[in-house]
Amino acid sequence: MSLNYSALNNYGQVTYCTRYLRRTQTVNQLTALADTIFQQATEEVTVTTLGNDGVHSSGEVTFPKSVIGYAVEKLLMEAAVTGVTGDSKLAAVPGPVIADFSHRLVRT
């Protein structure tokens, strides 16, 4: 299975990445992914396999580096604000977190 989401605009790509990563990755995995993307990726990142709690899937999904990097950093910022750490996952649906127009997330 090979998917290329270049037909989606950047907002659609970030939304897709964010939702998928929120559902499948722990905070530690997101941190490792952020470091890998920043240090090794050039212009595109291709995710070929993912494993989680005994479930393994393979295929290819290609995103521009900036899109997947932004999605990962957005989730890490939410984790920092909400206090989610380590091998814990973020809630599948964001809780009462709102934007305050300064690009910070504030818990209400």
N, C-alpha and C. Protein backbone atom coordinates (compact mmCIF):
# COMPACT_ATOMS: atom_id res chain seq x y z
N MET A 1 0.85 -1.17 0.00
CA MET A 1 0.00 0.00 0.00
C MET A 1 0.89 1.23 0.00
N SER A 2 0.66 2.10 -0.92
CA SER A 2 1.45 3.31 -1.00
C SER A 2 0.52 4.50 -1.17
N LEU A 3 0.65 5.48 -0.29
CA LEU A 3 -0.19 6.66 -0.33
C LEU A 3 0.67 7.89 -0.38
N ASN A 4 0.29 8.85 -1.18
CA ASN A 4 0.98 10.12 -1.20
C ASN A 4 -0.09 11.19 -1.05
N TYR A 5 0.01 11.98 -0.01
CA TYR A 5 -1.03 12.95 0.31
C TYR A 5 -0.72 14.34 -0.21
N SER A 6 -0.01 14.41 -1.35
CA SER A 6 0.32 15.72 -1.90
C SER A 6 -0.92 16.45 -2.41
N ALA A 7 -2.02 15.71 -2.67
CA ALA A 7 -3.23 16.36 -3.15
C ALA A 7 -3.93 17.15 -2.05
N LEU A 8 -3.67 16.80 -0.79
CA LEU A 8 -4.23 17.56 0.32
C LEU A 8 -3.44 18.85 0.51
N ASN A 9 -4.12 19.89 0.93
CA ASN A 9 -3.37 21.10 1.27
C ASN A 9 -2.61 20.86 2.57
N ASN A 10 -1.74 21.79 2.95
CA ASN A 10 -0.92 21.60 4.15
C ASN A 10 -1.75 21.40 5.40
N TYR A 11 -2.85 22.14 5.53
CA TYR A 11 -3.71 21.98 6.71
C TYR A 11 -4.26 20.56 6.77
N GLY A 12 -4.72 20.03 5.65
CA GLY A 12 -5.24 18.66 5.61
C GLY A 12 -4.18 17.64 5.95
N GLN A 13 -2.96 17.86 5.47
CA GLN A 13 -1.86 16.95 5.76
C GLN A 13 -1.51 16.98 7.25
N VAL A 14 -1.43 18.17 7.82
CA VAL A 14 -1.11 18.29 9.25
C VAL A 14 -2.21 17.65 10.08
N THR A 15 -3.47 17.89 9.72
CA THR A 15 -4.59 17.31 10.45
C THR A 15 -4.54 15.79 10.41
N TYR A 16 -4.29 15.23 9.24
CA TYR A 16 -4.21 13.77 9.11
C TYR A 16 -3.06 13.23 9.96
N CYS A 17 -1.87 13.83 9.83
CA CYS A 17 -0.71 13.38 10.62
C CYS A 17 -0.99 13.45 12.11
N THR A 18 -1.53 14.58 12.54
CA THR A 18 -1.78 14.78 13.97
C THR A 18 -2.75 13.74 14.51
N ARG A 19 -3.82 13.50 13.81
CA ARG A 19 -4.82 12.52 14.29
C ARG A 19 -4.24 11.12 14.33
N TYR A 20 -3.49 10.75 13.29
CA TYR A 20 -2.92 9.41 13.27
C TYR A 20 -1.89 9.23 14.37
N LEU A 21 -0.98 10.19 14.51
CA LEU A 21 0.07 10.08 15.53
C LEU A 21 -0.51 10.12 16.93
N ARG A 22 -1.54 10.92 17.16
CA ARG A 22 -2.20 10.99 18.47
C ARG A 22 -2.73 9.61 18.87
N ARG A 23 -3.28 8.90 17.90
CA ARG A 23 -3.91 7.62 18.16
C ARG A 23 -2.90 6.50 18.33
N THR A 24 -1.71 6.61 17.72
CA THR A 24 -0.82 5.46 17.67
C THR A 24 0.48 5.59 18.45
N GLN A 25 0.90 6.78 18.84
CA GLN A 25 2.23 6.95 19.41
C GLN A 25 2.19 7.46 20.85
N THR A 26 3.15 6.98 21.65
CA THR A 26 3.31 7.49 23.01
C THR A 26 4.14 8.77 22.94
N VAL A 27 4.24 9.48 24.04
CA VAL A 27 5.03 10.70 24.09
C VAL A 27 6.50 10.39 23.81
N ASN A 28 7.02 9.30 24.37
CA ASN A 28 8.41 8.92 24.10
C ASN A 28 8.63 8.64 22.61
N GLN A 29 7.68 7.95 21.98
CA GLN A 29 7.80 7.67 20.55
C GLN A 29 7.72 8.95 19.73
N LEU A 30 6.87 9.88 20.13
CA LEU A 30 6.79 11.16 19.43
C LEU A 30 8.09 11.94 19.55
N THR A 31 8.71 11.92 20.73
CA THR A 31 9.98 12.61 20.93
C THR A 31 11.06 12.01 20.04
N ALA A 32 11.14 10.70 19.99
CA ALA A 32 12.13 10.03 19.14
C ALA A 32 11.88 10.34 17.67
N LEU A 33 10.62 10.34 17.25
CA LEU A 33 10.28 10.65 15.87
C LEU A 33 10.65 12.10 15.53
N ALA A 34 10.40 13.02 16.44
CA ALA A 34 10.74 14.43 16.20
C ALA A 34 12.25 14.58 16.00
N ASP A 35 13.03 13.90 16.82
CA ASP A 35 14.49 13.97 16.69
C ASP A 35 14.95 13.38 15.36
N THR A 36 14.40 12.25 14.97
CA THR A 36 14.76 11.61 13.71
C THR A 36 14.41 12.49 12.52
N ILE A 37 13.22 13.05 12.55
CA ILE A 37 12.78 13.91 11.44
C ILE A 37 13.71 15.10 11.30
N PHE A 38 14.01 15.75 12.40
CA PHE A 38 14.84 16.96 12.34
C PHE A 38 16.26 16.66 11.88
N GLN A 39 16.83 15.56 12.38
CA GLN A 39 18.23 15.28 12.11
C GLN A 39 18.48 14.60 10.77
N GLN A 40 17.54 13.77 10.30
CA GLN A 40 17.84 12.94 9.14
C GLN A 40 17.02 13.25 7.90
N ALA A 41 15.85 13.77 8.05
CA ALA A 41 15.00 13.96 6.88
C ALA A 41 15.50 15.12 6.04
N THR A 42 15.25 15.01 4.75
CA THR A 42 15.58 16.11 3.86
C THR A 42 14.30 16.89 3.59
N GLU A 43 13.63 16.63 2.50
CA GLU A 43 12.41 17.36 2.18
C GLU A 43 11.15 16.54 2.40
N GLU A 44 11.27 15.22 2.43
CA GLU A 44 10.10 14.36 2.62
C GLU A 44 10.40 13.29 3.65
N VAL A 45 9.35 12.82 4.32
CA VAL A 45 9.45 11.74 5.28
C VAL A 45 8.49 10.65 4.84
N THR A 46 8.98 9.43 4.72
CA THR A 46 8.13 8.30 4.35
C THR A 46 8.06 7.36 5.54
N VAL A 47 6.86 7.13 6.04
CA VAL A 47 6.63 6.19 7.13
C VAL A 47 6.34 4.85 6.47
N THR A 48 7.15 3.83 6.77
CA THR A 48 6.97 2.54 6.11
C THR A 48 6.39 1.48 7.03
N THR A 49 6.74 1.48 8.31
CA THR A 49 6.19 0.50 9.24
C THR A 49 5.94 1.16 10.58
N LEU A 50 4.93 0.69 11.27
CA LEU A 50 4.63 1.15 12.62
C LEU A 50 4.25 -0.05 13.47
N GLY A 51 4.69 -0.07 14.70
CA GLY A 51 4.31 -1.12 15.62
C GLY A 51 3.81 -0.51 16.91
N ASN A 52 2.78 -1.13 17.49
CA ASN A 52 2.20 -0.56 18.69
C ASN A 52 1.41 -1.64 19.43
N ASP A 53 1.78 -1.94 20.65
CA ASP A 53 1.05 -2.88 21.51
C ASP A 53 0.72 -4.19 20.79
N GLY A 54 1.73 -4.79 20.15
CA GLY A 54 1.53 -6.07 19.49
C GLY A 54 0.90 -5.98 18.11
N VAL A 55 0.60 -4.79 17.65
CA VAL A 55 0.02 -4.60 16.33
C VAL A 55 1.11 -4.04 15.42
N HIS A 56 1.25 -4.63 14.26
CA HIS A 56 2.28 -4.18 13.33
C HIS A 56 1.63 -3.95 11.97
N SER A 57 1.95 -2.84 11.36
CA SER A 57 1.42 -2.57 10.03
C SER A 57 2.54 -2.04 9.16
N SER A 58 2.39 -2.23 7.86
CA SER A 58 3.40 -1.71 6.95
C SER A 58 2.72 -1.12 5.73
N GLY A 59 3.43 -0.28 5.06
CA GLY A 59 2.93 0.45 3.90
C GLY A 59 3.75 1.70 3.79
N GLU A 60 3.37 2.59 2.94
CA GLU A 60 4.11 3.83 2.81
C GLU A 60 3.17 5.02 2.80
N VAL A 61 3.49 6.00 3.60
CA VAL A 61 2.80 7.27 3.59
C VAL A 61 3.89 8.34 3.56
N THR A 62 3.86 9.20 2.57
CA THR A 62 4.89 10.21 2.40
C THR A 62 4.32 11.60 2.66
N PHE A 63 5.01 12.34 3.51
CA PHE A 63 4.61 13.70 3.85
C PHE A 63 5.82 14.61 3.69
N PRO A 64 5.61 15.87 3.36
CA PRO A 64 6.72 16.82 3.43
C PRO A 64 7.25 16.88 4.86
N LYS A 65 8.55 17.07 5.01
CA LYS A 65 9.19 17.12 6.32
C LYS A 65 8.50 18.14 7.22
N SER A 66 8.19 19.30 6.68
CA SER A 66 7.60 20.35 7.51
C SER A 66 6.23 19.95 8.04
N VAL A 67 5.47 19.17 7.27
CA VAL A 67 4.12 18.78 7.69
C VAL A 67 4.18 17.80 8.85
N ILE A 68 4.93 16.71 8.71
CA ILE A 68 4.97 15.72 9.78
C ILE A 68 5.73 16.27 10.99
N GLY A 69 6.75 17.08 10.74
CA GLY A 69 7.47 17.70 11.85
C GLY A 69 6.58 18.62 12.65
N TYR A 70 5.78 19.42 11.97
CA TYR A 70 4.85 20.33 12.64
C TYR A 70 3.82 19.54 13.44
N ALA A 71 3.29 18.45 12.86
CA ALA A 71 2.30 17.64 13.57
C ALA A 71 2.88 17.04 14.84
N VAL A 72 4.09 16.52 14.75
CA VAL A 72 4.74 15.91 15.93
C VAL A 72 5.01 16.98 17.00
N GLU A 73 5.55 18.12 16.59
CA GLU A 73 5.84 19.17 17.57
C GLU A 73 4.56 19.71 18.21
N LYS A 74 3.50 19.79 17.45
CA LYS A 74 2.20 20.23 17.99
C LYS A 74 1.73 19.26 19.08
N LEU A 75 1.87 17.96 18.83
CA LEU A 75 1.46 16.97 19.83
C LEU A 75 2.37 17.01 21.06
N LEU A 76 3.67 17.20 20.85
CA LEU A 76 4.59 17.30 21.99
C LEU A 76 4.29 18.53 22.83
N MET A 77 3.92 19.63 22.20
CA MET A 77 3.56 20.83 22.95
C MET A 77 2.30 20.58 23.78
N GLU A 78 1.33 19.89 23.18
CA GLU A 78 0.11 19.55 23.93
C GLU A 78 0.44 18.63 25.10
N ALA A 79 1.33 17.66 24.88
CA ALA A 79 1.72 16.74 25.96
C ALA A 79 2.37 17.50 27.11
N ALA A 80 3.22 18.47 26.78
CA ALA A 80 3.88 19.26 27.82
C ALA A 80 2.87 20.07 28.62
N VAL A 81 1.91 20.66 27.95
CA VAL A 81 0.92 21.49 28.63
C VAL A 81 -0.02 20.66 29.49
N THR A 82 -0.39 19.48 28.98
CA THR A 82 -1.36 18.65 29.71
C THR A 82 -0.70 17.70 30.69
N GLY A 83 0.64 17.63 30.70
CA GLY A 83 1.34 16.78 31.67
C GLY A 83 1.43 15.32 31.28
N VAL A 84 1.20 14.98 30.04
CA VAL A 84 1.32 13.60 29.58
C VAL A 84 2.79 13.34 29.26
N THR A 85 3.36 12.27 29.83
CA THR A 85 4.79 12.00 29.64
C THR A 85 5.04 10.53 29.39
N GLY A 86 6.29 10.22 29.05
CA GLY A 86 6.77 8.85 28.97
C GLY A 86 6.02 7.97 27.99
N ASP A 87 5.64 6.79 28.47
CA ASP A 87 4.96 5.81 27.63
C ASP A 87 3.45 6.00 27.59
N SER A 88 2.97 7.12 28.10
CA SER A 88 1.54 7.43 28.05
C SER A 88 1.21 8.03 26.69
N LYS A 89 -0.04 7.85 26.30
CA LYS A 89 -0.52 8.44 25.05
C LYS A 89 -1.41 9.63 25.36
N LEU A 90 -1.48 10.53 24.42
CA LEU A 90 -2.41 11.64 24.52
C LEU A 90 -3.82 11.10 24.35
N ALA A 91 -4.79 11.83 24.86
CA ALA A 91 -6.19 11.42 24.69
C ALA A 91 -6.53 11.36 23.21
N ALA A 92 -7.37 10.41 22.82
CA ALA A 92 -7.74 10.27 21.41
C ALA A 92 -8.40 11.52 20.87
N VAL A 93 -9.14 12.18 21.71
CA VAL A 93 -9.76 13.46 21.35
C VAL A 93 -9.24 14.49 22.34
N PRO A 94 -8.71 15.61 21.86
CA PRO A 94 -8.17 16.59 22.80
C PRO A 94 -9.23 17.04 23.79
N GLY A 95 -8.81 17.17 25.02
CA GLY A 95 -9.73 17.60 26.07
C GLY A 95 -9.95 19.10 26.03
N PRO A 96 -10.22 19.68 27.17
CA PRO A 96 -10.51 21.12 27.22
C PRO A 96 -9.24 21.96 27.07
N VAL A 97 -8.68 21.92 25.87
CA VAL A 97 -7.50 22.71 25.57
C VAL A 97 -7.91 23.70 24.49
N ILE A 98 -7.60 24.96 24.71
CA ILE A 98 -8.01 25.99 23.74
C ILE A 98 -6.80 26.79 23.30
N ALA A 99 -6.89 27.39 22.14
CA ALA A 99 -5.83 28.27 21.66
C ALA A 99 -6.07 29.66 22.22
N ASP A 100 -5.01 30.35 22.59
CA ASP A 100 -5.16 31.71 23.10
C ASP A 100 -4.58 32.74 22.12
N PHE A 101 -4.45 32.36 20.84
CA PHE A 101 -3.98 33.21 19.76
C PHE A 101 -2.51 33.61 19.89
N SER A 102 -1.78 32.98 20.78
CA SER A 102 -0.33 33.21 20.84
C SER A 102 0.40 31.92 20.51
N HIS A 103 -0.29 30.95 19.94
CA HIS A 103 0.23 29.63 19.57
C HIS A 103 0.66 28.82 20.78
N ARG A 104 0.11 29.16 21.95
CA ARG A 104 0.31 28.34 23.13
C ARG A 104 -1.01 27.61 23.38
N LEU A 105 -0.94 26.49 24.04
CA LEU A 105 -2.16 25.78 24.42
C LEU A 105 -2.37 25.99 25.91
N VAL A 106 -3.58 26.28 26.30
CA VAL A 106 -3.91 26.58 27.68
C VAL A 106 -5.02 25.65 28.12
N ARG A 107 -4.84 24.97 29.24
CA ARG A 107 -5.90 24.10 29.76
C ARG A 107 -6.88 24.96 30.53
N THR A 108 -8.18 24.73 30.29
CA THR A 108 -9.21 25.51 30.98
C THR A 108 -9.80 24.72 32.12
